C-alpha atoms as a PDB file:
ATOM      1  CA  MET A   1      93.141 102.635 127.935  1.00  0.00           C
ATOM      2  CA  SER A   2      95.382  99.595 127.934  1.00  0.00           C
ATOM      3  CA  GLY A   3      97.657  98.845 125.018  1.00  0.00           C
ATOM      4  CA  GLU A   4      96.665  95.183 125.327  1.00  0.00           C
ATOM      5  CA  ALA A   5      92.908  95.477 125.052  1.00  0.00           C
ATOM      6  CA  SER A   6      90.524  98.142 123.847  1.00  0.00           C
ATOM      7  CA  THR A   7      86.805  98.681 123.484  1.00  0.00           C
ATOM      8  CA  ASN A   8      85.624  99.990 120.132  1.00  0.00           C
ATOM      9  CA  GLU A   9      82.619 102.207 119.606  1.00  0.00           C
ATOM     10  CA  THR A  10      80.313  99.271 119.059  1.00  0.00           C
ATOM     11  CA  GLY A  11      81.036  98.140 122.615  1.00  0.00           C
ATOM     12  CA  SER A  12      82.859  94.905 121.735  1.00  0.00           C
ATOM     13  CA  ASN A  13      86.235  94.064 123.215  1.00  0.00           C
ATOM     14  CA  GLU A  14      89.146  93.693 120.813  1.00  0.00           C
ATOM     15  CA  LYS A  15      92.358  92.167 122.080  1.00  0.00           C
ATOM     16  CA  THR A  16      95.314  93.961 120.563  1.00  0.00           C
ATOM     17  CA  PRO A  17      99.005  93.079 120.701  1.00  0.00           C
ATOM     18  CA  ARG A  18     100.943  94.859 123.416  1.00  0.00           C
ATOM     19  CA  THR A  19     103.265  97.073 121.353  1.00  0.00           C
ATOM     20  CA  LEU A  20     102.512  99.489 118.537  1.00  0.00           C
ATOM     21  CA  GLU A  21     104.858  97.551 116.250  1.00  0.00           C
ATOM     22  CA  GLU A  22     102.956  94.349 116.959  1.00  0.00           C
ATOM     23  CA  GLN A  23      99.670  96.094 116.256  1.00  0.00           C
ATOM     24  CA  TYR A  24     101.071  97.382 112.967  1.00  0.00           C
ATOM     25  CA  ASN A  25     102.223  93.899 111.983  1.00  0.00           C
ATOM     26  CA  ASN A  26      98.809  92.322 112.662  1.00  0.00           C
ATOM     27  CA  PRO A  27      96.351  93.962 110.239  1.00  0.00           C
ATOM     28  CA  ASP A  28      92.779  92.868 109.667  1.00  0.00           C
ATOM     29  CA  ILE A  29      91.831  91.721 106.166  1.00  0.00           C
ATOM     30  CA  ILE A  30      88.259  92.111 104.922  1.00  0.00           C
ATOM     31  CA  GLY A  31      86.660  91.315 101.566  1.00  0.00           C
ATOM     32  CA  ASP A  32      87.521  88.832  98.822  1.00  0.00           C
ATOM     33  CA  ASP A  33      90.518  88.921  96.476  1.00  0.00           C
ATOM     34  CA  LYS A  34      88.928  91.521  94.181  1.00  0.00           C
ATOM     35  CA  ASN A  35      87.654  93.685  97.035  1.00  0.00           C
ATOM     36  CA  LYS A  36      90.295  93.202  99.690  1.00  0.00           C
ATOM     37  CA  VAL A  37      90.953  95.919 102.253  1.00  0.00           C
ATOM     38  CA  GLU A  38      93.862  95.657 104.681  1.00  0.00           C
ATOM     39  CA  ILE A  39      93.156  97.571 107.889  1.00  0.00           C
ATOM     40  CA  ILE A  40      95.848  98.605 110.341  1.00  0.00           C
ATOM     41  CA  ASP A  41      94.587  99.961 113.658  1.00  0.00           C
ATOM     42  CA  LEU A  42      97.072 101.297 116.212  1.00  0.00           C
ATOM     43  CA  ILE A  43      95.747 102.101 119.683  1.00  0.00           C
ATOM     44  CA  PRO A  44      98.346 103.734 121.974  1.00  0.00           C
ATOM     45  CA  PRO A  45      98.337 103.131 125.753  1.00  0.00           C
ATOM     46  CA  GLN A  46      97.185 106.717 126.395  1.00  0.00           C
ATOM     47  CA  LEU A  47      94.900 108.540 123.971  1.00  0.00           C
ATOM     48  CA  LYS A  48      95.031 112.325 123.564  1.00  0.00           C
ATOM     49  CA  SER A  49      91.719 112.375 121.649  1.00  0.00           C
ATOM     50  CA  ASP A  50      88.559 110.295 121.595  1.00  0.00           C
ATOM     51  CA  VAL A  51      88.346 110.828 117.829  1.00  0.00           C
ATOM     52  CA  PRO A  52      90.619 108.456 115.881  1.00  0.00           C
ATOM     53  CA  ILE A  53      92.557 109.321 112.743  1.00  0.00           C
ATOM     54  CA  ILE A  54      92.120 107.608 109.414  1.00  0.00           C
ATOM     55  CA  LEU A  55      95.361 108.097 107.490  1.00  0.00           C
ATOM     56  CA  VAL A  56      94.830 107.746 103.747  1.00  0.00           C
ATOM     57  CA  PRO A  57      97.812 106.981 101.453  1.00  0.00           C
ATOM     58  CA  GLY A  58      98.155 108.705  98.094  1.00  0.00           C
ATOM     59  CA  TRP A  59      98.063 107.302  94.574  1.00  0.00           C
ATOM     60  CA  SER A  60      98.856 103.559  94.490  1.00  0.00           C
ATOM     61  CA  ALA A  61     100.424 103.692  97.954  1.00  0.00           C
ATOM     62  CA  THR A  62      99.670 101.515 100.977  1.00  0.00           C
ATOM     63  CA  ALA A  63     100.116 101.619 104.733  1.00  0.00           C
ATOM     64  CA  HIS A  64     103.573 100.099 104.253  1.00  0.00           C
ATOM     65  CA  VAL A  65     104.773 103.340 102.644  1.00  0.00           C
ATOM     66  CA  LEU A  66     103.514 105.376 105.610  1.00  0.00           C
ATOM     67  CA  LYS A  67     104.671 103.057 108.405  1.00  0.00           C
ATOM     68  CA  GLU A  68     106.808 105.688 110.164  1.00  0.00           C
ATOM     69  CA  ASN A  69     103.969 108.222 109.981  1.00  0.00           C
ATOM     70  CA  VAL A  70     101.546 105.713 111.490  1.00  0.00           C
ATOM     71  CA  LEU A  71     103.889 104.859 114.350  1.00  0.00           C
ATOM     72  CA  THR A  72     104.815 108.500 115.010  1.00  0.00           C
ATOM     73  CA  LEU A  73     101.189 109.623 115.234  1.00  0.00           C
ATOM     74  CA  ALA A  74     100.369 106.692 117.523  1.00  0.00           C
ATOM     75  CA  ARG A  75     103.298 107.597 119.784  1.00  0.00           C
ATOM     76  CA  LEU A  76     101.857 111.110 119.939  1.00  0.00           C
ATOM     77  CA  GLY A  77      98.699 109.596 121.425  1.00  0.00           C
ATOM     78  CA  ARG A  78      96.534 109.244 118.331  1.00  0.00           C
ATOM     79  CA  ARG A  79      94.565 106.146 117.461  1.00  0.00           C
ATOM     80  CA  VAL A  80      95.519 105.632 113.808  1.00  0.00           C
ATOM     81  CA  ILE A  81      93.622 103.562 111.259  1.00  0.00           C
ATOM     82  CA  VAL A  82      94.986 102.948 107.756  1.00  0.00           C
ATOM     83  CA  ALA A  83      92.976 101.196 105.064  1.00  0.00           C
ATOM     84  CA  SER A  84      95.077  99.836 102.203  1.00  0.00           C
ATOM     85  CA  ALA A  85      93.201  99.161  98.958  1.00  0.00           C
ATOM     86  CA  PRO A  86      95.183 100.825  96.133  1.00  0.00           C
ATOM     87  CA  HIS A  87      92.305 100.563  93.635  1.00  0.00           C
ATOM     88  CA  GLY A  88      89.459 100.497  96.131  1.00  0.00           C
ATOM     89  CA  VAL A  89      86.521  98.082  96.015  1.00  0.00           C
ATOM     90  CA  GLU A  90      83.360  97.632  93.978  1.00  0.00           C
ATOM     91  CA  THR A  91      80.670 100.229  94.619  1.00  0.00           C
ATOM     92  CA  ASN A  92      77.651 101.859  93.022  1.00  0.00           C
ATOM     93  CA  PRO A  93      78.576 104.670  90.586  1.00  0.00           C
ATOM     94  CA  GLN A  94      77.942 108.296  91.569  1.00  0.00           C
ATOM     95  CA  GLU A  95      76.956 110.597  88.746  1.00  0.00           C
ATOM     96  CA  ILE A  96      79.019 113.576  89.901  1.00  0.00           C
ATOM     97  CA  TYR A  97      82.148 111.767  91.135  1.00  0.00           C
ATOM     98  CA  PRO A  98      84.702 109.660  89.197  1.00  0.00           C
ATOM     99  CA  ASP A  99      84.058 105.927  89.580  1.00  0.00           C
ATOM    100  CA  ALA A 100      87.736 105.144  90.164  1.00  0.00           C
ATOM    101  CA  GLU A 101      87.780 107.500  93.155  1.00  0.00           C
ATOM    102  CA  MET A 102      84.440 106.298  94.523  1.00  0.00           C
ATOM    103  CA  ARG A 103      85.920 102.784  94.729  1.00  0.00           C
ATOM    104  CA  LYS A 104      88.496 104.153  97.162  1.00  0.00           C
ATOM    105  CA  THR A 105      85.908 106.085  99.147  1.00  0.00           C
ATOM    106  CA  GLU A 106      83.951 102.851  99.577  1.00  0.00           C
ATOM    107  CA  ALA A 107      87.061 101.043 100.869  1.00  0.00           C
ATOM    108  CA  LEU A 108      87.528 103.738 103.524  1.00  0.00           C
ATOM    109  CA  MET A 109      83.923 103.516 104.636  1.00  0.00           C
ATOM    110  CA  GLN A 110      84.103  99.727 104.863  1.00  0.00           C
ATOM    111  CA  ALA A 111      87.182 100.053 107.068  1.00  0.00           C
ATOM    112  CA  LEU A 112      85.476 102.529 109.406  1.00  0.00           C
ATOM    113  CA  ASP A 113      82.364 100.355 109.566  1.00  0.00           C
ATOM    114  CA  TYR A 114      84.411  97.244 110.310  1.00  0.00           C
ATOM    115  CA  LYS A 115      86.204  98.983 113.183  1.00  0.00           C
ATOM    116  CA  GLY A 116      82.970 100.457 114.537  1.00  0.00           C
ATOM    117  CA  ILE A 117      84.164 104.050 114.109  1.00  0.00           C
ATOM    118  CA  LYS A 118      81.326 106.564 114.088  1.00  0.00           C
ATOM    119  CA  GLN A 119      83.480 109.642 113.439  1.00  0.00           C
ATOM    120  CA  ALA A 120      87.128 110.199 112.502  1.00  0.00           C
ATOM    121  CA  ASP A 121      89.601 112.908 111.620  1.00  0.00           C
ATOM    122  CA  ALA A 122      91.048 112.289 108.150  1.00  0.00           C
ATOM    123  CA  ILE A 123      94.616 112.757 106.925  1.00  0.00           C
ATOM    124  CA  CYS A 124      95.012 112.377 103.172  1.00  0.00           C
ATOM    125  CA  HIS A 125      98.044 112.567 100.906  1.00  0.00           C
ATOM    126  CA  SER A 126      98.100 113.572  97.245  1.00  0.00           C
ATOM    127  CA  GLU A 127      95.328 111.847  95.223  1.00  0.00           C
ATOM    128  CA  ALA A 128      93.646 110.797  98.467  1.00  0.00           C
ATOM    129  CA  SER A 129      92.439 114.389  98.821  1.00  0.00           C
ATOM    130  CA  LEU A 130      89.982 113.625  96.012  1.00  0.00           C
ATOM    131  CA  PHE A 131      88.275 110.527  97.364  1.00  0.00           C
ATOM    132  CA  MET A 132      88.585 111.561 101.004  1.00  0.00           C
ATOM    133  CA  THR A 133      86.749 114.851 100.476  1.00  0.00           C
ATOM    134  CA  MET A 134      84.184 113.047  98.326  1.00  0.00           C
ATOM    135  CA  GLY A 135      83.635 110.699 101.250  1.00  0.00           C
ATOM    136  CA  ALA A 136      83.152 113.625 103.615  1.00  0.00           C
ATOM    137  CA  MET A 137      80.573 115.138 101.262  1.00  0.00           C
ATOM    138  CA  ILE A 138      78.558 111.920 101.108  1.00  0.00           C
ATOM    139  CA  HIS A 139      79.031 110.828 104.730  1.00  0.00           C
ATOM    140  CA  ARG A 140      79.175 114.210 106.455  1.00  0.00           C
ATOM    141  CA  ASP A 141      78.694 112.902 110.000  1.00  0.00           C
ATOM    142  CA  ARG A 142      81.504 110.362 109.736  1.00  0.00           C
ATOM    143  CA  PHE A 143      84.315 112.919 109.459  1.00  0.00           C
ATOM    144  CA  ARG A 144      85.244 115.843 111.673  1.00  0.00           C
ATOM    145  CA  ASN A 145      88.510 117.564 110.696  1.00  0.00           C
ATOM    146  CA  LEU A 146      90.605 117.029 107.571  1.00  0.00           C
ATOM    147  CA  VAL A 147      94.301 117.606 106.900  1.00  0.00           C
ATOM    148  CA  LEU A 148      95.255 117.522 103.221  1.00  0.00           C
ATOM    149  CA  VAL A 149      98.967 116.925 102.593  1.00  0.00           C
ATOM    150  CA  SER A 150     100.275 117.901  99.132  1.00  0.00           C
ATOM    151  CA  PRO A 151      96.734 117.592  97.744  1.00  0.00           C
ATOM    152  CA  THR A 152      95.593 117.219  94.164  1.00  0.00           C
ATOM    153  CA  GLY A 153      92.630 119.037  92.668  1.00  0.00           C
ATOM    154  CA  LEU A 154      93.659 122.533  93.753  1.00  0.00           C
ATOM    155  CA  ILE A 155      95.829 123.973  90.971  1.00  0.00           C
ATOM    156  CA  GLY A 156      93.198 124.742  88.354  1.00  0.00           C
ATOM    157  CA  PRO A 157      92.986 123.246  84.841  1.00  0.00           C
ATOM    158  CA  ASP A 158      95.642 120.618  84.174  1.00  0.00           C
ATOM    159  CA  THR A 159      96.794 118.168  81.508  1.00  0.00           C
ATOM    160  CA  PHE A 160      98.312 114.724  81.669  1.00  0.00           C
ATOM    161  CA  PRO A 161     101.488 115.700  79.734  1.00  0.00           C
ATOM    162  CA  ARG A 162     102.134 118.547  82.182  1.00  0.00           C
ATOM    163  CA  LEU A 163     101.568 116.347  85.222  1.00  0.00           C
ATOM    164  CA  ALA A 164     103.679 113.475  83.866  1.00  0.00           C
ATOM    165  CA  THR A 165     106.572 115.784  82.998  1.00  0.00           C
ATOM    166  CA  ASP A 166     106.619 117.732  86.242  1.00  0.00           C
ATOM    167  CA  PHE A 167     105.989 114.704  88.442  1.00  0.00           C
ATOM    168  CA  SER A 168     108.974 113.017  86.782  1.00  0.00           C
ATOM    169  CA  LYS A 169     111.062 116.087  87.602  1.00  0.00           C
ATOM    170  CA  ASP A 170     109.881 115.913  91.203  1.00  0.00           C
ATOM    171  CA  ILE A 171     110.857 112.228  91.464  1.00  0.00           C
ATOM    172  CA  ALA A 172     114.220 112.935  89.843  1.00  0.00           C
ATOM    173  CA  GLY A 173     114.917 115.656  92.392  1.00  0.00           C
ATOM    174  CA  GLN A 174     113.980 113.341  95.260  1.00  0.00           C
ATOM    175  CA  THR A 175     116.257 110.634  93.863  1.00  0.00           C
ATOM    176  CA  LEU A 176     119.248 112.936  93.501  1.00  0.00           C
ATOM    177  CA  LYS A 177     118.789 114.227  97.036  1.00  0.00           C
ATOM    178  CA  ALA A 178     118.617 110.660  98.326  1.00  0.00           C
ATOM    179  CA  LEU A 179     121.755 109.599  96.482  1.00  0.00           C
ATOM    180  CA  PHE A 180     123.940 112.587  97.278  1.00  0.00           C
ATOM    181  CA  ASN A 181     122.576 114.292 100.399  1.00  0.00           C
ATOM    182  CA  ASP A 182     120.263 112.064 102.433  1.00  0.00           C
ATOM    183  CA  HIS A 183     120.743 108.309 102.156  1.00  0.00           C
ATOM    184  CA  SER A 184     117.949 107.716 104.685  1.00  0.00           C
ATOM    185  CA  ARG A 185     115.471 108.412 101.888  1.00  0.00           C
ATOM    186  CA  ILE A 186     116.584 105.550  99.643  1.00  0.00           C
ATOM    187  CA  ALA A 187     114.773 102.725 101.455  1.00  0.00           C
ATOM    188  CA  LYS A 188     111.609 104.826 101.802  1.00  0.00           C
ATOM    189  CA  MET A 189     111.574 105.666  98.108  1.00  0.00           C
ATOM    190  CA  TRP A 190     112.242 102.059  97.130  1.00  0.00           C
ATOM    191  CA  LYS A 191     109.293 100.911  99.225  1.00  0.00           C
ATOM    192  CA  ALA A 192     107.029 103.524  97.600  1.00  0.00           C
ATOM    193  CA  TYR A 193     108.147 102.599  94.069  1.00  0.00           C
ATOM    194  CA  THR A 194     107.669  98.894  94.811  1.00  0.00           C
ATOM    195  CA  GLU A 195     104.107  99.433  96.040  1.00  0.00           C
ATOM    196  CA  PHE A 196     103.419 101.663  93.036  1.00  0.00           C
ATOM    197  CA  GLY A 197     104.593  98.946  90.643  1.00  0.00           C
ATOM    198  CA  LYS A 198     102.434  96.315  92.333  1.00  0.00           C
ATOM    199  CA  SER A 199      99.423  98.595  92.052  1.00  0.00           C
ATOM    200  CA  ILE A 200      99.856  99.212  88.321  1.00  0.00           C
ATOM    201  CA  VAL A 201     100.212  95.500  87.593  1.00  0.00           C
ATOM    202  CA  ALA A 202      97.141  94.700  89.701  1.00  0.00           C
ATOM    203  CA  GLY A 203      94.889  97.187  87.889  1.00  0.00           C
ATOM    204  CA  PRO A 204      96.259  98.916  84.765  1.00  0.00           C
ATOM    205  CA  ILE A 205      92.855 100.140  83.567  1.00  0.00           C
ATOM    206  CA  LEU A 206      91.931 101.517  86.980  1.00  0.00           C
ATOM    207  CA  THR A 207      95.368 103.159  87.158  1.00  0.00           C
ATOM    208  CA  ILE A 208      94.595 105.083  83.963  1.00  0.00           C
ATOM    209  CA  GLN A 209      91.173 106.083  85.273  1.00  0.00           C
ATOM    210  CA  GLU A 210      92.751 107.345  88.492  1.00  0.00           C
ATOM    211  CA  MET A 211      95.303 109.361  86.531  1.00  0.00           C
ATOM    212  CA  ASN A 212      92.478 110.963  84.581  1.00  0.00           C
ATOM    213  CA  ALA A 213      90.707 111.912  87.817  1.00  0.00           C
ATOM    214  CA  ILE A 214      93.891 113.447  89.213  1.00  0.00           C
ATOM    215  CA  VAL A 215      94.175 115.682  86.151  1.00  0.00           C
ATOM    216  CA  THR A 216      90.517 116.616  85.693  1.00  0.00           C
ATOM    217  CA  PHE A 217      88.730 116.567  89.063  1.00  0.00           C
ATOM    218  CA  ARG A 218      88.828 119.736  91.154  1.00  0.00           C
ATOM    219  CA  ILE A 219      87.875 120.083  94.806  1.00  0.00           C
ATOM    220  CA  GLU A 220      87.611 123.842  95.435  1.00  0.00           C
ATOM    221  CA  GLU A 221      83.824 123.816  95.712  1.00  0.00           C
ATOM    222  CA  ILE A 222      83.885 120.632  97.782  1.00  0.00           C
ATOM    223  CA  LEU A 223      86.185 122.307 100.313  1.00  0.00           C
ATOM    224  CA  ARG A 224      83.970 125.387 100.444  1.00  0.00           C
ATOM    225  CA  GLU A 225      80.920 123.251 101.099  1.00  0.00           C
ATOM    226  CA  LEU A 226      82.655 121.139 103.745  1.00  0.00           C
ATOM    227  CA  LYS A 227      83.945 124.229 105.549  1.00  0.00           C
ATOM    228  CA  SER A 228      80.490 125.817 105.472  1.00  0.00           C
ATOM    229  CA  ARG A 229      79.129 122.662 107.119  1.00  0.00           C
ATOM    230  CA  GLY A 230      81.557 123.089 109.992  1.00  0.00           C
ATOM    231  CA  HIS A 231      84.348 120.688 109.091  1.00  0.00           C
ATOM    232  CA  GLY A 232      87.826 121.850 110.029  1.00  0.00           C
ATOM    233  CA  ILE A 233      90.163 121.818 107.013  1.00  0.00           C
ATOM    234  CA  SER A 234      93.909 122.461 106.862  1.00  0.00           C
ATOM    235  CA  ILE A 235      96.469 122.012 104.092  1.00  0.00           C
ATOM    236  CA  ILE A 236     100.162 121.189 104.376  1.00  0.00           C
ATOM    237  CA  HIS A 237     101.929 121.812 101.080  1.00  0.00           C
ATOM    238  CA  THR A 238     105.580 121.578 100.137  1.00  0.00           C
ATOM    239  CA  ALA A 239     107.212 124.617  98.613  1.00  0.00           C
ATOM    240  CA  HIS A 240     109.091 122.699  95.909  1.00  0.00           C
ATOM    241  CA  ASP A 241     106.316 120.329  94.824  1.00  0.00           C
ATOM    242  CA  LYS A 242     106.666 120.147  91.044  1.00  0.00           C
ATOM    243  CA  ALA A 243     103.698 117.830  90.568  1.00  0.00           C
ATOM    244  CA  PHE A 244     101.284 120.351  92.109  1.00  0.00           C
ATOM    245  CA  PRO A 245     103.143 123.678  92.171  1.00  0.00           C
ATOM    246  CA  MET A 246     102.783 125.929  95.189  1.00  0.00           C
ATOM    247  CA  ASP A 247     102.316 129.113  93.149  1.00  0.00           C
ATOM    248  CA  ARG A 248      99.357 127.647  91.287  1.00  0.00           C
ATOM    249  CA  MET A 249      97.774 126.369  94.486  1.00  0.00           C
ATOM    250  CA  GLN A 250      98.123 129.725  96.227  1.00  0.00           C
ATOM    251  CA  LYS A 251      96.140 131.338  93.410  1.00  0.00           C
ATOM    252  CA  ILE A 252      93.263 128.923  94.040  1.00  0.00           C
ATOM    253  CA  VAL A 253      93.055 128.311  97.789  1.00  0.00           C
ATOM    254  CA  ASP A 254      91.482 130.974 100.000  1.00  0.00           C
ATOM    255  CA  LYS A 255      89.922 131.318 103.450  1.00  0.00           C
ATOM    256  CA  THR A 256      86.536 130.129 102.211  1.00  0.00           C
ATOM    257  CA  MET A 257      88.089 126.658 101.750  1.00  0.00           C
ATOM    258  CA  VAL A 258      90.457 126.159 104.680  1.00  0.00           C
ATOM    259  CA  ASP A 259      91.126 127.061 108.298  1.00  0.00           C
ATOM    260  CA  GLY A 260      94.890 126.794 107.936  1.00  0.00           C
ATOM    261  CA  PHE A 261      97.519 126.563 105.190  1.00  0.00           C
ATOM    262  CA  VAL A 262     101.045 125.523 106.125  1.00  0.00           C
ATOM    263  CA  SER A 263     103.969 125.743 103.706  1.00  0.00           C
ATOM    264  CA  VAL A 264     106.964 123.504 104.422  1.00  0.00           C
ATOM    265  CA  GLY A 265     110.142 122.763 102.503  1.00  0.00           C
ATOM    266  CA  GLY A 266     110.593 119.750 100.290  1.00  0.00           C
ATOM    267  CA  SER A 267     109.013 117.935  97.367  1.00  0.00           C
ATOM    268  CA  HIS A 268     105.748 116.118  96.726  1.00  0.00           C
ATOM    269  CA  ASN A 269     106.394 112.994  98.807  1.00  0.00           C
ATOM    270  CA  GLU A 270     107.788 114.698 101.887  1.00  0.00           C
ATOM    271  CA  LEU A 271     105.050 113.075 103.992  1.00  0.00           C
ATOM    272  CA  TYR A 272     106.871 109.738 104.026  1.00  0.00           C
ATOM    273  CA  LEU A 273     110.368 111.058 103.314  1.00  0.00           C
ATOM    274  CA  LYS A 274     110.324 113.188 106.499  1.00  0.00           C
ATOM    275  CA  PRO A 275     107.710 111.271 108.496  1.00  0.00           C
ATOM    276  CA  GLN A 276     108.485 112.484 112.025  1.00  0.00           C
ATOM    277  CA  ALA A 277     108.381 116.185 111.205  1.00  0.00           C
ATOM    278  CA  MET A 278     105.379 115.941 108.907  1.00  0.00           C
ATOM    279  CA  SER A 279     103.476 113.829 111.431  1.00  0.00           C
ATOM    280  CA  ARG A 280     104.118 116.416 114.138  1.00  0.00           C
ATOM    281  CA  TRP A 281     102.672 119.080 111.846  1.00  0.00           C
ATOM    282  CA  ILE A 282      99.596 116.910 111.325  1.00  0.00           C
ATOM    283  CA  ASP A 283      99.211 116.365 115.064  1.00  0.00           C
ATOM    284  CA  HIS A 284      99.567 120.100 115.685  1.00  0.00           C
ATOM    285  CA  LEU A 285      96.938 121.035 113.098  1.00  0.00           C
ATOM    286  CA  LEU A 286      94.507 118.484 114.499  1.00  0.00           C
ATOM    287  CA  ASP A 287      95.017 119.988 117.951  1.00  0.00           C
ATOM    288  CA  ALA A 288      94.431 123.497 116.589  1.00  0.00           C
ATOM    289  CA  MET A 289      91.261 122.558 114.725  1.00  0.00           C
ATOM    290  CA  GLY A 290      90.017 120.580 117.706  1.00  0.00           C
ATOM    291  CA  ASN A 291      90.555 123.603 119.937  1.00  0.00           C
ATOM    292  CA  LYS A 292      88.741 125.821 117.452  1.00  0.00           C
ATOM    293  CA  SER A 293      85.684 123.581 117.635  1.00  0.00           C
ATOM    294  CA  ARG A 294      85.652 124.124 121.413  1.00  0.00           C
ATOM    295  CA  GLY A 295      86.350 127.865 121.450  1.00  0.00           C
ATOM    296  CA  PRO A 296      87.604 130.925 119.538  1.00  0.00           C
ATOM    297  CA  GLU A 297      91.345 130.594 120.144  1.00  0.00           C
ATOM    298  CA  THR A 298      93.315 128.722 117.487  1.00  0.00           C
ATOM    299  CA  ASN A 299      97.094 128.525 117.168  1.00  0.00           C
ATOM    300  CA  LEU A 300      98.504 127.465 113.815  1.00  0.00           C
ATOM    301  CA  GLU A 301     102.058 128.496 114.635  1.00  0.00           C
ATOM    302  CA  LYS A 302     104.889 126.042 114.076  1.00  0.00           C
ATOM    303  CA  PRO A 303     105.055 123.087 116.500  1.00  0.00           C
ATOM    304  CA  GLU A 304     108.226 122.389 118.398  1.00  0.00           C
ATOM    305  CA  LEU A 305     110.499 120.070 116.412  1.00  0.00           C
ATOM    306  CA  THR A 306     113.906 118.704 117.256  1.00  0.00           C
ATOM    307  CA  THR A 307     116.734 119.526 114.849  1.00  0.00           C
ATOM    308  CA  SER A 308     116.601 116.048 113.311  1.00  0.00           C
ATOM    309  CA  GLU A 309     112.885 116.445 112.614  1.00  0.00           C
ATOM    310  CA  GLN A 310     112.949 119.746 110.732  1.00  0.00           C
ATOM    311  CA  VAL A 311     111.314 119.685 107.296  1.00  0.00           C
ATOM    312  CA  ARG A 312     113.740 121.265 104.865  1.00  0.00           C
END
């Protein structure tokens, strides 16, 4: 497939800029001001899979926070779609799912429909694990395999004071590491904080509703149901995540929910703080789950990473 032109699953030709950077810098915009979705779609010159990825940013984040992840996965041969709509779009309420999360599910589905994607693998970070798995429950044929990175909804009963306190500790630890040990993190963190601030200003009431969903909504039974339907599910979680502690998650998650569970070093936002290494883990897990769907042999061992890419 050429990097200059591609044919989507509806059969129409879409001219795309030649380089991945140019593709990233030329998103599609759909919807009006109150229901706007920005869609980035990177199509590499050679695809390793016919099934594209939809990469879903976490709470109040956008594709701009995950730029290095998007480019890395595309360079690994994945078609990567990112839909940015920090508070989602208007949709019909669902009795069993939080409205604030259903808005985000609807934005994802609009993006897939616009691009003519019939089925995708989904990568979701943090809060996105809520509305992404909800989307897979409602639209079961539209999603194949899921990778949840530092997910919410899997540590049991929670409270807002606990989450606010421990998330602040997690951010403080990231900041200290950036200032004293790894200056490469500073620009990435600044971008994330900037996007977060924009999101709060744009929708303070929805922000509060999303925070409530993060604290109260649990996805154990959703994962069990999705796995029983044949979806591949893997989790990547960071050992020092204070927002969603590893020890609490390990008490909840079992083999009835996931095909693979990978523990890596770092804090809650390691996905964009160590984008090359984390993206290689994602690519590896997608390969493993894809192989499992074709036969019995699955390898979830560590992928080969260069020294500079190691997650610590």
